[in-house]
Amino acid sequence: MHPIAAAFDDYWNSLKKGAAIPCFIDFNINDVPVDALPFMSLMQVEERPRRFRYRLAGTSVVAAYGKDLTGVYLDELDTGGRYDEYVHNFNQAVDERVINRRQDEYTLADGRVYRFDGHLYPFEGVHGAVSRIIVLAIDSLIADA
């Protein structure tokens, strides 16, 4: 596991307090390992229909896409034709209340290759359902496909 993800795992686990997953209300950005911040995004889980929306995207993610992703839904994002695979990973994190991990790469519309070590961390909301997911996309870009 990437050292940044291992450090975030420790933080996430420290918030669980004996529960299966931590409550988002216990999350504090000031306690997040500083090396994780550029790679971290906060996703809101919306239901009926279920969609995943960026509430905040780290600087590395913004640099990879060349724009701020705040307010963008996962289904609106260039995922190199892999949307179905990625939404499956997000749904699994929500439905099974587990960390979901994936190493992958895909070609963006501009021809650059986006390679990442991805981790989805579910957080429980005030009503008991998973309401937020912290995404760590520890990434690198390759100029030409």
N, C-alpha and C. Protein backbone atom coordinates (compact mmCIF):
# COMPACT_ATOMS: atom_id res chain seq x y z
N MET A 1 0.86 -1.18 0.00
CA MET A 1 0.00 0.00 0.00
C MET A 1 0.90 1.24 0.00
N HIS A 2 0.47 2.25 -0.72
CA HIS A 2 1.20 3.51 -0.77
C HIS A 2 1.29 4.11 0.64
N PRO A 3 2.44 4.68 1.03
CA PRO A 3 2.59 5.23 2.38
C PRO A 3 1.56 6.33 2.72
N ILE A 4 1.16 7.12 1.75
CA ILE A 4 0.15 8.16 2.00
C ILE A 4 -1.19 7.50 2.36
N ALA A 5 -1.54 6.44 1.63
CA ALA A 5 -2.78 5.72 1.94
C ALA A 5 -2.69 5.04 3.30
N ALA A 6 -1.54 4.49 3.63
CA ALA A 6 -1.37 3.84 4.93
C ALA A 6 -1.57 4.85 6.07
N ALA A 7 -1.05 6.06 5.90
CA ALA A 7 -1.22 7.09 6.91
C ALA A 7 -2.69 7.51 7.02
N PHE A 8 -3.38 7.62 5.87
CA PHE A 8 -4.79 7.98 5.92
C PHE A 8 -5.61 6.85 6.52
N ASP A 9 -5.25 5.60 6.23
CA ASP A 9 -5.92 4.44 6.85
C ASP A 9 -5.87 4.56 8.38
N ASP A 10 -4.69 4.90 8.90
CA ASP A 10 -4.55 5.04 10.34
C ASP A 10 -5.49 6.12 10.87
N TYR A 11 -5.56 7.24 10.17
CA TYR A 11 -6.45 8.32 10.59
C TYR A 11 -7.91 7.87 10.55
N TRP A 12 -8.34 7.26 9.42
CA TRP A 12 -9.72 6.80 9.25
C TRP A 12 -10.08 5.80 10.35
N ASN A 13 -9.18 4.85 10.61
CA ASN A 13 -9.44 3.85 11.65
C ASN A 13 -9.52 4.47 13.04
N SER A 14 -8.77 5.54 13.28
CA SER A 14 -8.80 6.19 14.59
C SER A 14 -10.15 6.84 14.87
N LEU A 15 -10.91 7.14 13.81
CA LEU A 15 -12.21 7.79 13.95
C LEU A 15 -13.36 6.80 14.18
N LYS A 16 -13.12 5.53 13.98
CA LYS A 16 -14.20 4.54 14.02
C LYS A 16 -14.81 4.34 15.41
N LYS A 17 -14.03 4.46 16.43
CA LYS A 17 -14.52 4.34 17.81
C LYS A 17 -15.35 3.07 18.02
N GLY A 18 -14.88 1.96 17.47
CA GLY A 18 -15.57 0.68 17.64
C GLY A 18 -16.66 0.40 16.62
N ALA A 19 -16.99 1.37 15.79
CA ALA A 19 -18.02 1.18 14.76
C ALA A 19 -17.37 0.60 13.49
N ALA A 20 -18.21 0.17 12.56
CA ALA A 20 -17.71 -0.38 11.30
C ALA A 20 -17.01 0.69 10.47
N ILE A 21 -17.58 1.89 10.45
CA ILE A 21 -16.99 3.02 9.73
C ILE A 21 -17.15 4.27 10.59
N PRO A 22 -16.30 5.28 10.35
CA PRO A 22 -16.42 6.50 11.16
C PRO A 22 -17.59 7.38 10.72
N CYS A 23 -17.99 8.24 11.64
CA CYS A 23 -19.00 9.26 11.34
C CYS A 23 -18.30 10.47 10.73
N PHE A 24 -18.92 11.04 9.73
CA PHE A 24 -18.30 12.19 9.06
C PHE A 24 -18.17 13.38 10.01
N ILE A 25 -19.06 13.48 10.96
CA ILE A 25 -19.01 14.60 11.90
C ILE A 25 -17.70 14.61 12.70
N ASP A 26 -17.05 13.44 12.81
CA ASP A 26 -15.78 13.34 13.53
C ASP A 26 -14.57 13.67 12.66
N PHE A 27 -14.79 13.80 11.37
CA PHE A 27 -13.70 14.11 10.44
C PHE A 27 -13.24 15.55 10.67
N ASN A 28 -11.92 15.74 10.72
CA ASN A 28 -11.34 17.07 10.89
C ASN A 28 -10.18 17.21 9.92
N ILE A 29 -10.32 18.10 8.97
CA ILE A 29 -9.29 18.30 7.94
C ILE A 29 -7.93 18.62 8.56
N ASN A 30 -7.93 19.25 9.71
CA ASN A 30 -6.67 19.61 10.37
C ASN A 30 -5.91 18.40 10.90
N ASP A 31 -6.60 17.26 11.01
CA ASP A 31 -5.96 16.03 11.51
C ASP A 31 -5.52 15.09 10.40
N VAL A 32 -5.85 15.42 9.16
CA VAL A 32 -5.50 14.57 8.02
C VAL A 32 -3.99 14.67 7.78
N PRO A 33 -3.32 13.54 7.52
CA PRO A 33 -1.89 13.62 7.20
C PRO A 33 -1.67 14.59 6.03
N VAL A 34 -0.79 15.55 6.23
CA VAL A 34 -0.62 16.65 5.28
C VAL A 34 -0.26 16.15 3.88
N ASP A 35 0.47 15.06 3.76
CA ASP A 35 0.85 14.53 2.45
C ASP A 35 -0.35 14.03 1.66
N ALA A 36 -1.45 13.74 2.33
CA ALA A 36 -2.65 13.23 1.65
C ALA A 36 -3.48 14.35 1.02
N LEU A 37 -3.36 15.56 1.52
CA LEU A 37 -4.27 16.64 1.11
C LEU A 37 -4.33 16.89 -0.40
N PRO A 38 -3.21 16.93 -1.13
CA PRO A 38 -3.33 17.20 -2.58
C PRO A 38 -4.08 16.11 -3.34
N PHE A 39 -4.10 14.91 -2.82
CA PHE A 39 -4.69 13.75 -3.50
C PHE A 39 -6.10 13.43 -3.03
N MET A 40 -6.60 14.19 -2.10
CA MET A 40 -7.87 13.89 -1.44
C MET A 40 -9.02 14.66 -2.07
N SER A 41 -10.13 13.98 -2.27
CA SER A 41 -11.38 14.61 -2.70
C SER A 41 -12.49 14.18 -1.76
N LEU A 42 -13.45 15.06 -1.57
CA LEU A 42 -14.62 14.75 -0.77
C LEU A 42 -15.80 14.60 -1.71
N MET A 43 -16.44 13.44 -1.65
CA MET A 43 -17.59 13.15 -2.49
C MET A 43 -18.83 13.04 -1.62
N GLN A 44 -19.91 13.64 -2.08
CA GLN A 44 -21.20 13.51 -1.42
C GLN A 44 -21.98 12.40 -2.10
N VAL A 45 -22.60 11.55 -1.29
CA VAL A 45 -23.44 10.47 -1.81
C VAL A 45 -24.87 10.99 -1.84
N GLU A 46 -25.45 11.06 -3.02
CA GLU A 46 -26.85 11.48 -3.16
C GLU A 46 -27.67 10.25 -3.51
N GLU A 47 -28.86 10.20 -2.98
CA GLU A 47 -29.74 9.05 -3.23
C GLU A 47 -30.96 9.50 -4.05
N ARG A 48 -31.59 8.51 -4.69
CA ARG A 48 -32.84 8.68 -5.46
C ARG A 48 -32.72 9.70 -6.58
N PRO A 49 -31.99 9.50 -7.60
CA PRO A 49 -31.12 8.35 -7.86
C PRO A 49 -29.76 8.55 -7.18
N ARG A 50 -29.08 7.43 -6.99
CA ARG A 50 -27.76 7.53 -6.37
C ARG A 50 -26.77 8.13 -7.37
N ARG A 51 -26.12 9.18 -6.91
CA ARG A 51 -25.05 9.82 -7.68
C ARG A 51 -23.98 10.28 -6.70
N PHE A 52 -22.81 10.51 -7.22
CA PHE A 52 -21.67 10.90 -6.41
C PHE A 52 -21.16 12.25 -6.92
N ARG A 53 -21.14 13.25 -6.02
CA ARG A 53 -20.79 14.62 -6.43
C ARG A 53 -19.57 15.11 -5.66
N TYR A 54 -18.64 15.70 -6.41
CA TYR A 54 -17.46 16.32 -5.79
C TYR A 54 -17.89 17.53 -4.98
N ARG A 55 -17.55 17.52 -3.70
CA ARG A 55 -17.73 18.70 -2.85
C ARG A 55 -16.43 19.48 -2.75
N LEU A 56 -15.31 18.78 -2.94
CA LEU A 56 -13.99 19.37 -2.85
C LEU A 56 -13.02 18.44 -3.54
N ALA A 57 -12.10 19.00 -4.32
CA ALA A 57 -11.09 18.18 -4.99
C ALA A 57 -9.71 18.72 -4.65
N GLY A 58 -8.79 17.82 -4.35
CA GLY A 58 -7.43 18.19 -4.03
C GLY A 58 -6.70 18.78 -5.23
N THR A 59 -5.61 19.47 -4.95
CA THR A 59 -4.88 20.18 -6.00
C THR A 59 -4.32 19.24 -7.06
N SER A 60 -3.93 18.04 -6.69
CA SER A 60 -3.42 17.09 -7.68
C SER A 60 -4.52 16.64 -8.63
N VAL A 61 -5.72 16.44 -8.10
CA VAL A 61 -6.86 16.02 -8.92
C VAL A 61 -7.26 17.16 -9.86
N VAL A 62 -7.28 18.37 -9.35
CA VAL A 62 -7.60 19.55 -10.17
C VAL A 62 -6.57 19.70 -11.28
N ALA A 63 -5.29 19.51 -10.96
CA ALA A 63 -4.24 19.62 -11.97
C ALA A 63 -4.40 18.56 -13.05
N ALA A 64 -4.77 17.35 -12.65
CA ALA A 64 -4.93 16.26 -13.62
C ALA A 64 -6.04 16.57 -14.62
N TYR A 65 -7.14 17.14 -14.14
CA TYR A 65 -8.28 17.41 -15.00
C TYR A 65 -8.28 18.82 -15.58
N GLY A 66 -7.39 19.66 -15.08
CA GLY A 66 -7.28 21.02 -15.63
C GLY A 66 -8.44 21.92 -15.25
N LYS A 67 -9.20 21.53 -14.22
CA LYS A 67 -10.32 22.36 -13.77
C LYS A 67 -10.73 21.91 -12.38
N ASP A 68 -11.40 22.83 -11.67
CA ASP A 68 -11.95 22.51 -10.36
C ASP A 68 -13.14 21.59 -10.56
N LEU A 69 -13.19 20.52 -9.82
CA LEU A 69 -14.27 19.55 -9.96
C LEU A 69 -15.41 19.76 -8.97
N THR A 70 -15.34 20.81 -8.16
CA THR A 70 -16.39 21.07 -7.19
C THR A 70 -17.75 21.15 -7.90
N GLY A 71 -18.70 20.35 -7.42
CA GLY A 71 -20.04 20.32 -8.00
C GLY A 71 -20.21 19.34 -9.15
N VAL A 72 -19.13 18.78 -9.66
CA VAL A 72 -19.18 17.84 -10.78
C VAL A 72 -19.57 16.46 -10.25
N TYR A 73 -20.43 15.77 -10.97
CA TYR A 73 -20.82 14.41 -10.63
C TYR A 73 -19.87 13.42 -11.29
N LEU A 74 -19.70 12.28 -10.65
CA LEU A 74 -18.84 11.23 -11.20
C LEU A 74 -19.27 10.86 -12.61
N ASP A 75 -20.57 10.84 -12.88
CA ASP A 75 -21.04 10.47 -14.21
C ASP A 75 -20.81 11.55 -15.26
N GLU A 76 -20.32 12.72 -14.85
CA GLU A 76 -19.98 13.80 -15.77
C GLU A 76 -18.48 13.89 -16.02
N LEU A 77 -17.71 13.06 -15.36
CA LEU A 77 -16.26 13.12 -15.40
C LEU A 77 -15.70 12.22 -16.49
N ASP A 78 -14.62 12.65 -17.11
CA ASP A 78 -13.89 11.83 -18.07
C ASP A 78 -13.19 10.71 -17.31
N THR A 79 -13.70 9.50 -17.44
CA THR A 79 -13.11 8.34 -16.77
C THR A 79 -12.54 7.35 -17.78
N GLY A 80 -12.21 7.84 -18.95
CA GLY A 80 -11.60 6.98 -19.94
C GLY A 80 -12.46 5.79 -20.33
N GLY A 81 -13.78 5.96 -20.29
CA GLY A 81 -14.68 4.88 -20.67
C GLY A 81 -14.90 3.84 -19.58
N ARG A 82 -14.47 4.16 -18.37
CA ARG A 82 -14.57 3.18 -17.28
C ARG A 82 -15.58 3.57 -16.22
N TYR A 83 -16.54 4.38 -16.55
CA TYR A 83 -17.51 4.85 -15.56
C TYR A 83 -18.18 3.68 -14.84
N ASP A 84 -18.64 2.67 -15.58
CA ASP A 84 -19.36 1.56 -14.94
C ASP A 84 -18.51 0.85 -13.89
N GLU A 85 -17.21 0.69 -14.17
CA GLU A 85 -16.32 0.07 -13.20
C GLU A 85 -16.18 0.94 -11.95
N TYR A 86 -16.02 2.25 -12.16
CA TYR A 86 -15.80 3.15 -11.03
C TYR A 86 -17.06 3.32 -10.19
N VAL A 87 -18.21 3.43 -10.82
CA VAL A 87 -19.44 3.57 -10.04
C VAL A 87 -19.70 2.29 -9.24
N HIS A 88 -19.31 1.15 -9.80
CA HIS A 88 -19.40 -0.10 -9.04
C HIS A 88 -18.55 -0.02 -7.77
N ASN A 89 -17.33 0.50 -7.88
CA ASN A 89 -16.46 0.65 -6.70
C ASN A 89 -17.07 1.59 -5.67
N PHE A 90 -17.64 2.70 -6.12
CA PHE A 90 -18.29 3.64 -5.21
C PHE A 90 -19.50 3.00 -4.53
N ASN A 91 -20.32 2.31 -5.32
CA ASN A 91 -21.49 1.64 -4.74
C ASN A 91 -21.09 0.59 -3.72
N GLN A 92 -20.03 -0.13 -4.00
CA GLN A 92 -19.56 -1.15 -3.06
C GLN A 92 -19.11 -0.50 -1.75
N ALA A 93 -18.40 0.62 -1.82
CA ALA A 93 -17.97 1.33 -0.60
C ALA A 93 -19.19 1.75 0.22
N VAL A 94 -20.25 2.20 -0.46
CA VAL A 94 -21.47 2.64 0.24
C VAL A 94 -22.25 1.45 0.78
N ASP A 95 -22.55 0.50 -0.07
CA ASP A 95 -23.43 -0.61 0.30
C ASP A 95 -22.80 -1.58 1.30
N GLU A 96 -21.51 -1.83 1.15
CA GLU A 96 -20.83 -2.78 2.03
C GLU A 96 -20.11 -2.08 3.18
N ARG A 97 -20.05 -0.74 3.12
CA ARG A 97 -19.42 0.06 4.17
C ARG A 97 -17.98 -0.36 4.40
N VAL A 98 -17.24 -0.46 3.29
CA VAL A 98 -15.84 -0.89 3.33
C VAL A 98 -14.99 0.06 2.51
N ILE A 99 -13.70 0.09 2.82
CA ILE A 99 -12.73 0.80 1.99
C ILE A 99 -12.62 0.03 0.68
N ASN A 100 -12.63 0.74 -0.42
CA ASN A 100 -12.47 0.12 -1.73
C ASN A 100 -11.18 0.64 -2.33
N ARG A 101 -10.34 -0.25 -2.84
CA ARG A 101 -9.03 0.14 -3.39
C ARG A 101 -8.91 -0.33 -4.83
N ARG A 102 -8.19 0.48 -5.60
CA ARG A 102 -8.01 0.14 -7.01
C ARG A 102 -6.78 0.86 -7.55
N GLN A 103 -5.93 0.14 -8.26
CA GLN A 103 -4.84 0.75 -9.01
C GLN A 103 -5.23 0.68 -10.46
N ASP A 104 -5.12 1.81 -11.17
CA ASP A 104 -5.60 1.82 -12.54
C ASP A 104 -4.95 2.96 -13.30
N GLU A 105 -5.22 2.97 -14.58
CA GLU A 105 -4.85 4.10 -15.43
C GLU A 105 -5.82 4.14 -16.60
N TYR A 106 -6.03 5.33 -17.10
CA TYR A 106 -6.85 5.50 -18.30
C TYR A 106 -6.39 6.75 -19.04
N THR A 107 -6.80 6.82 -20.30
CA THR A 107 -6.41 7.94 -21.14
C THR A 107 -7.52 8.98 -21.12
N LEU A 108 -7.13 10.20 -20.76
CA LEU A 108 -8.06 11.32 -20.76
C LEU A 108 -8.33 11.77 -22.20
N ALA A 109 -9.37 12.55 -22.38
CA ALA A 109 -9.76 13.00 -23.72
C ALA A 109 -8.64 13.75 -24.43
N ASP A 110 -7.76 14.41 -23.67
CA ASP A 110 -6.67 15.16 -24.29
C ASP A 110 -5.45 14.29 -24.62
N GLY A 111 -5.56 12.98 -24.39
CA GLY A 111 -4.49 12.06 -24.74
C GLY A 111 -3.51 11.75 -23.62
N ARG A 112 -3.60 12.46 -22.51
CA ARG A 112 -2.72 12.16 -21.38
C ARG A 112 -3.22 10.92 -20.64
N VAL A 113 -2.29 10.18 -20.07
CA VAL A 113 -2.62 8.99 -19.31
C VAL A 113 -2.65 9.36 -17.83
N TYR A 114 -3.76 9.05 -17.19
CA TYR A 114 -3.96 9.31 -15.77
C TYR A 114 -3.78 7.99 -15.04
N ARG A 115 -2.74 7.88 -14.24
CA ARG A 115 -2.43 6.67 -13.48
C ARG A 115 -2.61 6.98 -12.00
N PHE A 116 -3.27 6.08 -11.28
CA PHE A 116 -3.52 6.36 -9.87
C PHE A 116 -3.61 5.11 -9.02
N ASP A 117 -3.36 5.34 -7.75
CA ASP A 117 -3.56 4.37 -6.69
C ASP A 117 -4.75 4.92 -5.92
N GLY A 118 -5.95 4.33 -6.09
CA GLY A 118 -7.18 4.91 -5.57
C GLY A 118 -7.72 4.19 -4.35
N HIS A 119 -8.27 4.98 -3.42
CA HIS A 119 -8.83 4.46 -2.17
C HIS A 119 -10.10 5.23 -1.86
N LEU A 120 -11.18 4.51 -1.61
CA LEU A 120 -12.47 5.12 -1.26
C LEU A 120 -12.77 4.81 0.20
N TYR A 121 -12.92 5.86 1.00
CA TYR A 121 -13.17 5.73 2.44
C TYR A 121 -14.58 6.21 2.76
N PRO A 122 -15.50 5.30 3.11
CA PRO A 122 -16.87 5.71 3.42
C PRO A 122 -16.98 6.31 4.83
N PHE A 123 -17.89 7.28 4.95
CA PHE A 123 -18.20 7.91 6.23
C PHE A 123 -19.70 7.92 6.42
N GLU A 124 -20.11 7.62 7.64
CA GLU A 124 -21.53 7.60 7.98
C GLU A 124 -22.03 9.02 8.24
N GLY A 125 -23.25 9.28 7.79
CA GLY A 125 -23.89 10.56 8.05
C GLY A 125 -24.74 10.52 9.31
N VAL A 126 -25.45 11.61 9.56
CA VAL A 126 -26.24 11.71 10.79
C VAL A 126 -27.40 10.72 10.84
N HIS A 127 -27.86 10.22 9.73
CA HIS A 127 -28.99 9.29 9.71
C HIS A 127 -28.55 7.83 9.57
N GLY A 128 -27.25 7.56 9.69
CA GLY A 128 -26.76 6.19 9.69
C GLY A 128 -26.31 5.66 8.34
N ALA A 129 -26.71 6.29 7.25
CA ALA A 129 -26.29 5.84 5.92
C ALA A 129 -24.95 6.49 5.56
N VAL A 130 -24.25 5.89 4.62
CA VAL A 130 -23.02 6.50 4.12
C VAL A 130 -23.41 7.75 3.33
N SER A 131 -22.90 8.89 3.76
CA SER A 131 -23.25 10.16 3.13
C SER A 131 -22.07 10.82 2.43
N ARG A 132 -20.87 10.42 2.81
CA ARG A 132 -19.67 11.02 2.24
C ARG A 132 -18.65 9.92 1.98
N ILE A 133 -17.83 10.15 0.98
CA ILE A 133 -16.70 9.28 0.69
C ILE A 133 -15.49 10.19 0.50
N ILE A 134 -14.42 9.88 1.21
CA ILE A 134 -13.15 10.54 0.95
C ILE A 134 -12.44 9.68 -0.08
N VAL A 135 -12.05 10.30 -1.17
CA VAL A 135 -11.32 9.61 -2.23
C VAL A 135 -9.86 10.04 -2.16
N LEU A 136 -8.97 9.09 -2.06
CA LEU A 136 -7.55 9.36 -2.23
C LEU A 136 -7.19 8.82 -3.61
N ALA A 137 -6.79 9.70 -4.51
CA ALA A 137 -6.32 9.29 -5.83
C ALA A 137 -4.88 9.76 -5.92
N ILE A 138 -3.98 8.88 -5.46
CA ILE A 138 -2.56 9.19 -5.47
C ILE A 138 -2.09 8.94 -6.89
N ASP A 139 -1.89 10.04 -7.61
CA ASP A 139 -1.83 9.96 -9.07
C ASP A 139 -0.52 10.44 -9.65
N SER A 140 -0.40 10.13 -10.94
CA SER A 140 0.65 10.67 -11.78
C SER A 140 0.08 10.78 -13.19
N LEU A 141 0.59 11.75 -13.90
CA LEU A 141 0.18 11.94 -15.30
C LEU A 141 1.34 11.64 -16.21
N ILE A 142 1.03 11.05 -17.34
CA ILE A 142 2.03 10.80 -18.37
C ILE A 142 1.63 11.64 -19.57
N ALA A 143 2.53 12.44 -20.07
CA ALA A 143 2.20 13.44 -21.09
C ALA A 143 1.53 12.86 -22.34
N ASP A 144 2.05 11.79 -22.86
CA ASP A 144 1.49 11.21 -24.09
C ASP A 144 1.01 9.79 -23.83
N ALA A 145 -0.09 9.45 -24.48
CA ALA A 145 -0.62 8.09 -24.33
C ALA A 145 0.24 7.09 -25.05
